[in-house]
Amino acid sequence: QVQMVESGGGLVQPGGSLRLSCAASGRTFSDYAMGWFRQAPGKEREFVAVVNWLGISTNYADSVKGRFTVSRDNSKNTVYLQMSSLKPEDTAVYYCGVYRRANYVSDYVDQRAYDFWGQGTQVTVSS
């Protein structure tokens, strides 16, 4: 049974940092790109970041560019999201998903291009 488990969320002050992890079990996802999305209360789930299967190609939403870094460790079947300079508007539940190809194409911002979502981890940025 495939399972994706996000962790690392919590309460942080504006300007702070967090590192999210997404560990996969049940099968290996080293041949697939991986993405991070987030959903704030009352809003739709939105794209945050994507990393290709090798971990050498990445892309980010404009709202997080320069502050967030996505990476992966295929030996651990885990993808990470390092978040810095956090803002209150980053408050959301963060989810990871498995993209359907090794290298992402133009649909990487669309959650319908992903499978095997985790349960999410809450990130709250507040003073």
Foldseek 3Di string as FASTA:
>chain_A
DKAKAKDFADEAAQQAKIKIKIAIDPDAQLFFKKFKWWDDPPGDIWGAKIAASVFPDMDGDPVQPPFWDWGDDRVRSMIMIIGGSDDQVVWTWMKMWTAPGRDDDDCPGPCVRTDRIHPTDTHGYHD
